[in-house]
PDB file of N, CA and C in Angstrom:
ATOM      1  N   UNK A   1       0.846  -1.102   0.065  1.00  0.00           N
ATOM      2  CA  UNK A   1       0.067   0.058   0.121  1.00  0.00           C
ATOM      3  C   UNK A   1       0.918   1.246  -0.084  1.00  0.00           C
ATOM      4  N   UNK A   2       0.596   2.246  -0.843  1.00  0.00           N
ATOM      5  CA  UNK A   2       1.264   3.509  -0.924  1.00  0.00           C
ATOM      6  C   UNK A   2       1.114   4.347   0.321  1.00  0.00           C
ATOM      7  N   UNK A   3       2.172   4.944   0.782  1.00  0.00           N
ATOM      8  CA  UNK A   3       2.109   5.864   1.901  1.00  0.00           C
ATOM      9  C   UNK A   3       1.559   7.196   1.432  1.00  0.00           C
ATOM     10  N   UNK A   4       0.704   7.767   2.118  1.00  0.00           N
ATOM     11  CA  UNK A   4       0.117   9.047   1.828  1.00  0.00           C
ATOM     12  C   UNK A   4       1.029  10.120   2.315  1.00  0.00           C
ATOM     13  N   UNK A   5       1.108  11.355   1.675  1.00  0.00           N
ATOM     14  CA  UNK A   5       1.856  12.387   2.277  1.00  0.00           C
ATOM     15  C   UNK A   5       1.145  13.016   3.351  1.00  0.00           C
ATOM     16  N   UNK A   6       1.858  13.427   4.293  1.00  0.00           N
ATOM     17  CA  UNK A   6       1.270  14.007   5.478  1.00  0.00           C
ATOM     18  C   UNK A   6       2.408  14.966   6.072  1.00  0.00           C
ATOM     19  N   UNK A   7       1.915  15.615   7.093  1.00  0.00           N
ATOM     20  CA  UNK A   7       2.977  16.502   7.804  1.00  0.00           C
ATOM     21  C   UNK A   7       4.033  15.612   8.561  1.00  0.00           C
ATOM     22  N   UNK A   8       3.722  14.402   8.992  1.00  0.00           N
ATOM     23  CA  UNK A   8       4.621  13.689   9.818  1.00  0.00           C
ATOM     24  C   UNK A   8       5.775  13.129   8.669  1.00  0.00           C
ATOM     25  N   UNK A   9       5.527  12.713   7.657  1.00  0.00           N
ATOM     26  CA  UNK A   9       6.633  11.966   6.846  1.00  0.00           C
ATOM     27  C   UNK A   9       7.232  13.001   5.769  1.00  0.00           C
ATOM     28  N   UNK A  10       6.390  14.265   5.533  1.00  0.00           N
ATOM     29  CA  UNK A  10       7.034  15.246   4.662  1.00  0.00           C
ATOM     30  C   UNK A  10       7.140  14.890   3.280  1.00  0.00           C
ATOM     31  N   UNK A  11       6.698  13.738   2.705  1.00  0.00           N
ATOM     32  CA  UNK A  11       6.788  13.374   1.386  1.00  0.00           C
ATOM     33  C   UNK A  11       5.618  13.765   0.636  1.00  0.00           C
ATOM     34  N   UNK A  12       5.792  13.939  -0.754  1.00  0.00           N
ATOM     35  CA  UNK A  12       4.760  14.253  -1.607  1.00  0.00           C
ATOM     36  C   UNK A  12       4.585  13.064  -2.666  1.00  0.00           C
ATOM     37  N   UNK A  13       3.432  12.711  -2.937  1.00  0.00           N
ATOM     38  CA  UNK A  13       3.310  11.667  -3.965  1.00  0.00           C
ATOM     39  C   UNK A  13       2.208  12.040  -4.860  1.00  0.00           C
ATOM     40  N   UNK A  14       2.263  11.541  -6.172  1.00  0.00           N
ATOM     41  CA  UNK A  14       1.321  11.969  -7.072  1.00  0.00           C
ATOM     42  C   UNK A  14      -0.136  11.231  -6.908  1.00  0.00           C
ATOM     43  N   UNK A  15      -1.055  12.082  -7.103  1.00  0.00           N
ATOM     44  CA  UNK A  15      -2.449  11.457  -6.964  1.00  0.00           C
ATOM     45  C   UNK A  15      -2.798  10.742  -8.228  1.00  0.00           C
ATOM     46  N   UNK A  16      -3.418   9.503  -8.003  1.00  0.00           N
ATOM     47  CA  UNK A  16      -3.811   8.751  -9.157  1.00  0.00           C
ATOM     48  C   UNK A  16      -5.013   9.472  -9.823  1.00  0.00           C
ATOM     49  N   UNK A  17      -5.278   8.989 -11.110  1.00  0.00           N
ATOM     50  CA  UNK A  17      -6.424   9.489 -11.779  1.00  0.00           C
ATOM     51  C   UNK A  17      -7.790   9.212 -10.923  1.00  0.00           C
ATOM     52  N   UNK A  18      -7.830   8.031 -10.338  1.00  0.00           N
ATOM     53  CA  UNK A  18      -9.060   7.618  -9.645  1.00  0.00           C
ATOM     54  C   UNK A  18      -9.145   8.557  -8.373  1.00  0.00           C
ATOM     55  N   UNK A  19      -8.056   8.672  -7.710  1.00  0.00           N
ATOM     56  CA  UNK A  19      -8.104   9.654  -6.464  1.00  0.00           C
ATOM     57  C   UNK A  19      -8.710  10.957  -6.867  1.00  0.00           C
ATOM     58  N   UNK A  20      -8.102  11.484  -7.950  1.00  0.00           N
ATOM     59  CA  UNK A  20      -8.503  12.857  -8.456  1.00  0.00           C
ATOM     60  C   UNK A  20      -9.982  12.839  -8.712  1.00  0.00           C
ATOM     61  N   UNK A  21     -10.623  11.774  -9.472  1.00  0.00           N
ATOM     62  CA  UNK A  21     -11.829  11.720  -9.677  1.00  0.00           C
ATOM     63  C   UNK A  21     -12.812  11.809  -8.286  1.00  0.00           C
ATOM     64  N   UNK A  22     -12.295  10.951  -7.375  1.00  0.00           N
ATOM     65  CA  UNK A  22     -12.791  10.813  -5.994  1.00  0.00           C
ATOM     66  C   UNK A  22     -12.900  12.166  -5.305  1.00  0.00           C
ATOM     67  N   UNK A  23     -11.803  12.815  -5.395  1.00  0.00           N
ATOM     68  CA  UNK A  23     -11.777  14.174  -4.787  1.00  0.00           C
ATOM     69  C   UNK A  23     -12.663  15.195  -5.471  1.00  0.00           C
ATOM     70  N   UNK A  24     -12.797  15.123  -6.804  1.00  0.00           N
ATOM     71  CA  UNK A  24     -13.659  16.015  -7.472  1.00  0.00           C
ATOM     72  C   UNK A  24     -15.087  15.677  -7.186  1.00  0.00           C
ATOM     73  N   UNK A  25     -15.448  14.403  -7.143  1.00  0.00           N
ATOM     74  CA  UNK A  25     -16.883  13.943  -6.751  1.00  0.00           C
ATOM     75  C   UNK A  25     -17.193  14.501  -5.317  1.00  0.00           C
ATOM     76  N   UNK A  26     -16.271  14.246  -4.361  1.00  0.00           N
ATOM     77  CA  UNK A  26     -16.607  14.705  -3.002  1.00  0.00           C
ATOM     78  C   UNK A  26     -16.770  16.163  -2.934  1.00  0.00           C
ATOM     79  N   UNK A  27     -15.906  16.883  -3.602  1.00  0.00           N
ATOM     80  CA  UNK A  27     -15.947  18.281  -3.434  1.00  0.00           C
ATOM     81  C   UNK A  27     -17.056  18.936  -4.101  1.00  0.00           C
ATOM     82  N   UNK A  28     -17.455  18.311  -5.316  1.00  0.00           N
ATOM     83  CA  UNK A  28     -18.692  18.848  -6.129  1.00  0.00           C
ATOM     84  C   UNK A  28     -19.955  18.494  -5.283  1.00  0.00           C
ATOM     85  N   UNK A  29     -19.987  17.405  -4.619  1.00  0.00           N
ATOM     86  CA  UNK A  29     -21.132  16.924  -3.942  1.00  0.00           C
ATOM     87  C   UNK A  29     -21.238  18.023  -2.707  1.00  0.00           C
ATOM     88  N   UNK A  30     -20.151  18.197  -2.110  1.00  0.00           N
ATOM     89  CA  UNK A  30     -20.139  19.147  -0.808  1.00  0.00           C
ATOM     90  C   UNK A  30     -20.570  20.549  -1.306  1.00  0.00           C
ATOM     91  N   UNK A  31     -20.022  21.063  -2.307  1.00  0.00           N
ATOM     92  CA  UNK A  31     -20.386  22.510  -2.633  1.00  0.00           C
ATOM     93  C   UNK A  31     -21.592  22.788  -3.384  1.00  0.00           C
ATOM     94  N   UNK A  32     -21.815  21.802  -4.319  1.00  0.00           N
ATOM     95  CA  UNK A  32     -22.888  22.032  -5.396  1.00  0.00           C
ATOM     96  C   UNK A  32     -23.983  20.981  -5.362  1.00  0.00           C
ATOM     97  N   UNK A  33     -23.735  19.809  -4.717  1.00  0.00           N
ATOM     98  CA  UNK A  33     -24.778  18.823  -4.551  1.00  0.00           C
ATOM     99  C   UNK A  33     -24.893  18.074  -5.960  1.00  0.00           C
ATOM    100  N   UNK A  34     -23.782  18.030  -6.683  1.00  0.00           N
ATOM    101  CA  UNK A  34     -23.645  17.270  -7.998  1.00  0.00           C
ATOM    102  C   UNK A  34     -22.576  16.421  -8.075  1.00  0.00           C
ATOM    103  N   UNK A  35     -22.400  15.564  -9.046  1.00  0.00           N
ATOM    104  CA  UNK A  35     -21.335  14.753  -9.187  1.00  0.00           C
ATOM    105  C   UNK A  35     -20.182  15.576  -9.831  1.00  0.00           C
ATOM    106  N   UNK A  36     -18.899  14.921  -9.723  1.00  0.00           N
ATOM    107  CA  UNK A  36     -17.944  15.444 -10.476  1.00  0.00           C
ATOM    108  C   UNK A  36     -18.012  15.621 -11.981  1.00  0.00           C
ATOM    109  N   UNK A  37     -18.578  14.504 -12.518  1.00  0.00           N
ATOM    110  CA  UNK A  37     -18.891  14.446 -14.005  1.00  0.00           C
ATOM    111  C   UNK A  37     -19.795  15.530 -14.384  1.00  0.00           C
ATOM    112  N   UNK A  38     -20.894  15.821 -13.515  1.00  0.00           N
ATOM    113  CA  UNK A  38     -21.809  16.969 -13.883  1.00  0.00           C
ATOM    114  C   UNK A  38     -21.154  18.177 -13.751  1.00  0.00           C
ATOM    115  N   UNK A  39     -20.227  18.450 -12.809  1.00  0.00           N
ATOM    116  CA  UNK A  39     -19.526  19.706 -12.727  1.00  0.00           C
ATOM    117  C   UNK A  39     -18.670  19.889 -13.987  1.00  0.00           C
ATOM    118  N   UNK A  40     -18.015  18.685 -14.533  1.00  0.00           N
ATOM    119  CA  UNK A  40     -17.177  18.959 -15.573  1.00  0.00           C
ATOM    120  C   UNK A  40     -17.974  19.306 -16.795  1.00  0.00           C
ATOM    121  N   UNK A  41     -19.164  18.701 -16.989  1.00  0.00           N
ATOM    122  CA  UNK A  41     -20.092  18.983 -18.143  1.00  0.00           C
ATOM    123  C   UNK A  41     -20.489  20.521 -18.105  1.00  0.00           C
ATOM    124  N   UNK A  42     -20.897  20.916 -17.029  1.00  0.00           N
ATOM    125  CA  UNK A  42     -21.256  22.356 -16.839  1.00  0.00           C
ATOM    126  C   UNK A  42     -20.180  23.287 -16.931  1.00  0.00           C
ATOM    127  N   UNK A  43     -18.949  22.888 -16.471  1.00  0.00           N
ATOM    128  CA  UNK A  43     -17.878  23.851 -16.637  1.00  0.00           C
ATOM    129  C   UNK A  43     -17.449  23.857 -18.242  1.00  0.00           C
ATOM    130  N   UNK A  44     -17.518  22.784 -18.878  1.00  0.00           N
ATOM    131  CA  UNK A  44     -17.170  22.784 -20.332  1.00  0.00           C
ATOM    132  C   UNK A  44     -18.310  23.571 -21.010  1.00  0.00           C
ATOM    133  N   UNK A  45     -19.487  23.626 -20.588  1.00  0.00           N
ATOM    134  CA  UNK A  45     -20.454  24.280 -21.285  1.00  0.00           C
ATOM    135  C   UNK A  45     -20.474  25.844 -21.050  1.00  0.00           C
ATOM    136  N   UNK A  46     -19.543  26.188 -20.216  1.00  0.00           N
ATOM    137  CA  UNK A  46     -19.356  27.524 -19.707  1.00  0.00           C
ATOM    138  C   UNK A  46     -20.501  28.154 -18.789  1.00  0.00           C
ATOM    139  N   UNK A  47     -21.028  27.113 -17.962  1.00  0.00           N
ATOM    140  CA  UNK A  47     -22.209  27.656 -17.083  1.00  0.00           C
ATOM    141  C   UNK A  47     -21.643  28.482 -15.881  1.00  0.00           C
ATOM    142  N   UNK A  48     -20.300  28.358 -15.595  1.00  0.00           N
ATOM    143  CA  UNK A  48     -19.644  29.082 -14.596  1.00  0.00           C
ATOM    144  C   UNK A  48     -18.865  30.206 -15.156  1.00  0.00           C
ATOM    145  N   UNK A  49     -19.046  31.423 -14.524  1.00  0.00           N
ATOM    146  CA  UNK A  49     -18.186  32.562 -15.064  1.00  0.00           C
ATOM    147  C   UNK A  49     -16.824  32.467 -14.487  1.00  0.00           C
ATOM    148  N   UNK A  50     -16.156  33.400 -14.581  1.00  0.00           N
ATOM    149  CA  UNK A  50     -14.762  33.396 -14.100  1.00  0.00           C
ATOM    150  C   UNK A  50     -14.708  32.792 -12.704  1.00  0.00           C
ATOM    151  N   UNK A  51     -13.897  31.756 -12.483  1.00  0.00           N
ATOM    152  CA  UNK A  51     -14.037  31.050 -11.142  1.00  0.00           C
ATOM    153  C   UNK A  51     -13.408  31.985  -9.965  1.00  0.00           C
ATOM    154  N   UNK A  52     -12.697  33.096 -10.324  1.00  0.00           N
ATOM    155  CA  UNK A  52     -12.221  33.980  -9.316  1.00  0.00           C
ATOM    156  C   UNK A  52     -13.327  34.748  -8.813  1.00  0.00           C
ATOM    157  N   UNK A  53     -14.428  35.011  -9.653  1.00  0.00           N
ATOM    158  CA  UNK A  53     -15.433  35.940  -9.279  1.00  0.00           C
ATOM    159  C   UNK A  53     -16.460  35.317  -8.415  1.00  0.00           C
ATOM    160  N   UNK A  54     -16.329  35.413  -7.271  1.00  0.00           N
ATOM    161  CA  UNK A  54     -17.189  34.766  -6.126  1.00  0.00           C
ATOM    162  C   UNK A  54     -18.627  35.260  -6.105  1.00  0.00           C
ATOM    163  N   UNK A  55     -18.880  36.497  -6.702  1.00  0.00           N
ATOM    164  CA  UNK A  55     -20.122  37.029  -6.659  1.00  0.00           C
ATOM    165  C   UNK A  55     -20.984  36.363  -7.776  1.00  0.00           C
ATOM    166  N   UNK A  56     -20.494  35.786  -8.748  1.00  0.00           N
ATOM    167  CA  UNK A  56     -21.304  35.185  -9.876  1.00  0.00           C
ATOM    168  C   UNK A  56     -21.323  33.759  -9.796  1.00  0.00           C
ATOM    169  N   UNK A  57     -20.611  33.035  -8.880  1.00  0.00           N
ATOM    170  CA  UNK A  57     -20.505  31.650  -8.978  1.00  0.00           C
ATOM    171  C   UNK A  57     -20.974  31.147  -7.505  1.00  0.00           C
ATOM    172  N   UNK A  58     -21.512  29.913  -7.435  1.00  0.00           N
ATOM    173  CA  UNK A  58     -21.744  29.343  -6.143  1.00  0.00           C
ATOM    174  C   UNK A  58     -20.371  29.059  -5.401  1.00  0.00           C
ATOM    175  N   UNK A  59     -20.518  29.016  -4.208  1.00  0.00           N
ATOM    176  CA  UNK A  59     -19.268  28.732  -3.348  1.00  0.00           C
ATOM    177  C   UNK A  59     -18.757  27.427  -3.836  1.00  0.00           C
ATOM    178  N   UNK A  60     -17.460  27.306  -3.971  1.00  0.00           N
ATOM    179  CA  UNK A  60     -16.732  26.121  -4.209  1.00  0.00           C
ATOM    180  C   UNK A  60     -16.248  25.935  -5.666  1.00  0.00           C
ATOM    181  N   UNK A  61     -16.823  26.783  -6.473  1.00  0.00           N
ATOM    182  CA  UNK A  61     -16.383  26.674  -7.988  1.00  0.00           C
ATOM    183  C   UNK A  61     -14.816  26.833  -8.281  1.00  0.00           C
ATOM    184  N   UNK A  62     -14.325  27.652  -7.443  1.00  0.00           N
ATOM    185  CA  UNK A  62     -12.838  28.104  -7.583  1.00  0.00           C
ATOM    186  C   UNK A  62     -12.054  26.795  -7.119  1.00  0.00           C
ATOM    187  N   UNK A  63     -12.558  26.291  -6.038  1.00  0.00           N
ATOM    188  CA  UNK A  63     -11.941  25.033  -5.540  1.00  0.00           C
ATOM    189  C   UNK A  63     -12.087  23.851  -6.595  1.00  0.00           C
ATOM    190  N   UNK A  64     -13.220  23.739  -7.115  1.00  0.00           N
ATOM    191  CA  UNK A  64     -13.416  22.582  -8.116  1.00  0.00           C
ATOM    192  C   UNK A  64     -12.522  22.796  -9.327  1.00  0.00           C
ATOM    193  N   UNK A  65     -12.400  24.122  -9.816  1.00  0.00           N
ATOM    194  CA  UNK A  65     -11.685  24.460 -10.981  1.00  0.00           C
ATOM    195  C   UNK A  65     -10.226  24.106 -10.755  1.00  0.00           C
ATOM    196  N   UNK A  66      -9.719  24.224  -9.512  1.00  0.00           N
ATOM    197  CA  UNK A  66      -8.358  23.901  -9.167  1.00  0.00           C
ATOM    198  C   UNK A  66      -8.091  22.379  -9.212  1.00  0.00           C
ATOM    199  N   UNK A  67      -9.188  21.593  -8.940  1.00  0.00           N
ATOM    200  CA  UNK A  67      -9.050  20.125  -8.940  1.00  0.00           C
ATOM    201  C   UNK A  67      -8.965  19.565 -10.416  1.00  0.00           C
ATOM    202  N   UNK A  68      -9.658  20.187 -11.388  1.00  0.00           N
ATOM    203  CA  UNK A  68      -9.770  19.804 -12.805  1.00  0.00           C
ATOM    204  C   UNK A  68      -8.440  19.115 -13.380  1.00  0.00           C
ATOM    205  N   UNK A  69      -7.312  19.832 -13.152  1.00  0.00           N
ATOM    206  CA  UNK A  69      -6.121  19.308 -13.629  1.00  0.00           C
ATOM    207  C   UNK A  69      -5.828  17.830 -13.268  1.00  0.00           C
ATOM    208  N   UNK A  70      -6.294  17.405 -12.060  1.00  0.00           N
ATOM    209  CA  UNK A  70      -6.031  16.120 -11.517  1.00  0.00           C
ATOM    210  C   UNK A  70      -6.886  14.947 -12.249  1.00  0.00           C
ATOM    211  N   UNK A  71      -7.926  15.464 -13.045  1.00  0.00           N
ATOM    212  CA  UNK A  71      -8.808  14.461 -13.641  1.00  0.00           C
ATOM    213  C   UNK A  71      -8.706  14.591 -15.175  1.00  0.00           C
ATOM    214  N   UNK A  72      -7.965  15.462 -15.566  1.00  0.00           N
ATOM    215  CA  UNK A  72      -7.924  15.565 -17.104  1.00  0.00           C
ATOM    216  C   UNK A  72      -6.568  15.125 -17.578  1.00  0.00           C
TER     217      UNK A  72
END
């Protein structure tokens, strides 16, 4: 079993594609009540404005946008 990075061991390891998908799913569910796949579809359709503009987007869109590179 791979060791996870943490404050104790100070190591960093790459996240697997599956772990990235799980993270995206959990975060999308937490902030928007949708799956990670649904977030990707909406993101690709341009349904979210500039992720930095928190006045036009639901909370969590910026966090989800930062996770996208882990799943693509």
